[in-house]
């Protein structure tokens, strides 16, 4: 399922690597994966949980 999503990285991410995640949004969920190894498992959270996480940062 995660291969059919439109993934994006933060505009703050650079091309030099580092610790980045990619996010794909759907109406009922937010999917998150490691941008350095996209073959690893992803995880999914609710939009409310993602919003709370981002707000806490």
N, C-alpha and C. Protein backbone atom coordinates (compact mmCIF):
# COMPACT_ATOMS: atom_id res chain seq x y z
N UNK A 1 0.82 -1.20 0.00
CA UNK A 1 0.00 0.00 0.00
C UNK A 1 0.86 1.26 0.00
N UNK A 2 1.92 1.29 0.77
CA UNK A 2 2.72 2.49 0.90
C UNK A 2 3.41 2.88 -0.41
N UNK A 3 3.52 1.96 -1.36
CA UNK A 3 4.16 2.29 -2.64
C UNK A 3 3.25 3.12 -3.53
N UNK A 4 1.95 3.13 -3.27
CA UNK A 4 1.00 3.89 -4.08
C UNK A 4 0.80 5.32 -3.57
N UNK A 5 1.52 5.71 -2.55
CA UNK A 5 1.34 7.02 -1.94
C UNK A 5 2.31 8.04 -2.53
N UNK A 6 1.95 9.31 -2.43
CA UNK A 6 2.85 10.40 -2.83
C UNK A 6 3.65 10.82 -1.61
N UNK A 7 4.91 10.43 -1.55
CA UNK A 7 5.78 10.70 -0.41
C UNK A 7 6.50 12.02 -0.60
N UNK A 8 6.72 12.74 0.50
CA UNK A 8 7.49 13.98 0.43
C UNK A 8 8.32 14.16 1.68
N UNK A 9 9.45 14.85 1.52
CA UNK A 9 10.34 15.20 2.63
C UNK A 9 10.14 16.67 2.95
N UNK A 10 10.51 17.04 4.13
CA UNK A 10 10.47 18.43 4.55
C UNK A 10 11.35 19.29 3.66
N UNK A 11 10.95 20.51 3.44
CA UNK A 11 11.78 21.45 2.68
C UNK A 11 13.06 21.78 3.44
N UNK A 12 13.12 21.45 4.72
CA UNK A 12 14.32 21.67 5.52
C UNK A 12 15.34 20.55 5.33
N UNK A 13 14.95 19.45 4.68
CA UNK A 13 15.86 18.34 4.44
C UNK A 13 16.83 18.71 3.33
N UNK A 14 18.05 18.21 3.44
CA UNK A 14 19.05 18.48 2.41
C UNK A 14 19.33 17.20 1.64
N UNK A 15 20.04 17.33 0.55
CA UNK A 15 20.43 16.17 -0.25
C UNK A 15 21.68 15.49 0.31
N UNK A 16 22.30 16.03 1.37
CA UNK A 16 23.50 15.45 1.94
C UNK A 16 23.21 14.27 2.88
N UNK A 17 21.97 13.88 3.02
CA UNK A 17 21.64 12.76 3.89
C UNK A 17 21.15 13.25 5.23
N UNK A 18 21.61 12.63 6.28
CA UNK A 18 21.15 12.99 7.61
C UNK A 18 19.95 12.15 8.00
N UNK A 19 19.32 12.54 9.06
CA UNK A 19 18.16 11.81 9.58
C UNK A 19 16.88 12.46 9.10
N UNK A 20 16.28 11.85 8.09
CA UNK A 20 15.06 12.41 7.51
C UNK A 20 13.97 11.34 7.44
N UNK A 21 12.77 11.80 7.48
CA UNK A 21 11.62 10.93 7.24
C UNK A 21 10.86 11.49 6.05
N UNK A 22 10.08 10.63 5.43
CA UNK A 22 9.16 11.04 4.39
C UNK A 22 7.75 10.81 4.91
N UNK A 23 6.83 11.63 4.44
CA UNK A 23 5.44 11.57 4.89
C UNK A 23 4.54 11.52 3.67
N UNK A 24 3.49 10.74 3.78
CA UNK A 24 2.43 10.71 2.76
C UNK A 24 1.11 10.86 3.49
N UNK A 25 0.27 11.77 3.02
CA UNK A 25 -0.99 12.01 3.71
C UNK A 25 -2.16 11.46 2.91
N UNK A 26 -3.14 11.00 3.63
CA UNK A 26 -4.41 10.53 3.10
C UNK A 26 -5.50 11.18 3.95
N UNK A 27 -6.73 11.13 3.52
CA UNK A 27 -7.77 11.76 4.34
C UNK A 27 -7.87 11.21 5.76
N UNK A 28 -7.64 9.90 5.92
CA UNK A 28 -7.82 9.28 7.24
C UNK A 28 -6.54 8.88 7.93
N UNK A 29 -5.37 9.16 7.33
CA UNK A 29 -4.12 8.71 7.95
C UNK A 29 -2.93 9.49 7.40
N UNK A 30 -1.85 9.41 8.17
CA UNK A 30 -0.56 9.96 7.76
C UNK A 30 0.44 8.81 7.85
N UNK A 31 1.15 8.57 6.75
CA UNK A 31 2.11 7.48 6.67
C UNK A 31 3.51 8.08 6.79
N UNK A 32 4.39 7.39 7.50
CA UNK A 32 5.74 7.88 7.76
C UNK A 32 6.73 6.76 7.45
N UNK A 33 7.86 7.13 6.80
CA UNK A 33 8.90 6.15 6.52
C UNK A 33 10.27 6.81 6.56
N UNK A 34 11.30 5.99 6.65
CA UNK A 34 12.70 6.42 6.63
C UNK A 34 13.04 6.80 5.20
N UNK A 35 13.54 8.01 4.98
CA UNK A 35 13.85 8.45 3.63
C UNK A 35 15.13 7.81 3.09
N UNK A 36 16.00 7.32 3.97
CA UNK A 36 17.25 6.72 3.52
C UNK A 36 17.08 5.27 3.07
N UNK A 37 16.09 4.58 3.62
CA UNK A 37 15.83 3.19 3.24
C UNK A 37 14.33 2.99 3.15
N UNK A 38 13.79 3.26 1.99
CA UNK A 38 12.34 3.21 1.80
C UNK A 38 11.80 1.79 1.74
N UNK A 39 12.69 0.79 1.84
CA UNK A 39 12.23 -0.60 1.88
C UNK A 39 11.84 -1.04 3.29
N UNK A 40 12.23 -0.25 4.29
CA UNK A 40 11.88 -0.59 5.68
C UNK A 40 10.37 -0.42 5.88
N UNK A 41 9.82 -1.06 6.92
CA UNK A 41 8.40 -0.89 7.19
C UNK A 41 8.05 0.58 7.47
N UNK A 42 6.84 0.93 7.14
CA UNK A 42 6.32 2.27 7.42
C UNK A 42 5.38 2.19 8.61
N UNK A 43 4.98 3.35 9.13
CA UNK A 43 3.92 3.32 10.13
C UNK A 43 2.90 4.38 9.78
N UNK A 44 1.73 4.21 10.35
CA UNK A 44 0.58 5.04 10.02
C UNK A 44 -0.03 5.58 11.31
N UNK A 45 -0.37 6.86 11.31
CA UNK A 45 -1.01 7.49 12.46
C UNK A 45 -2.21 8.30 11.96
N UNK A 46 -3.06 8.67 12.88
CA UNK A 46 -4.20 9.50 12.52
C UNK A 46 -3.73 10.93 12.27
N UNK A 47 -4.47 11.69 11.48
CA UNK A 47 -4.11 13.09 11.27
C UNK A 47 -4.05 13.88 12.58
N UNK A 48 -4.92 13.58 13.53
CA UNK A 48 -4.89 14.27 14.82
C UNK A 48 -3.61 13.96 15.59
N UNK A 49 -3.20 12.69 15.57
CA UNK A 49 -1.96 12.30 16.26
C UNK A 49 -0.75 12.96 15.60
N UNK A 50 -0.73 13.01 14.27
CA UNK A 50 0.38 13.65 13.55
C UNK A 50 0.41 15.14 13.87
N UNK A 51 -0.76 15.78 13.88
CA UNK A 51 -0.83 17.20 14.19
C UNK A 51 -0.32 17.49 15.60
N UNK A 52 -0.66 16.64 16.55
CA UNK A 52 -0.18 16.83 17.93
C UNK A 52 1.33 16.65 18.00
N UNK A 53 1.85 15.67 17.26
CA UNK A 53 3.30 15.45 17.22
C UNK A 53 4.02 16.66 16.65
N UNK A 54 3.56 17.16 15.52
CA UNK A 54 4.20 18.31 14.87
C UNK A 54 4.09 19.56 15.77
N UNK A 55 2.95 19.74 16.39
CA UNK A 55 2.77 20.91 17.27
C UNK A 55 3.71 20.86 18.47
N UNK A 56 4.00 19.63 18.95
CA UNK A 56 4.88 19.49 20.11
C UNK A 56 6.35 19.78 19.76
N UNK A 57 6.68 19.66 18.47
CA UNK A 57 8.06 19.92 18.07
C UNK A 57 8.34 21.39 18.14
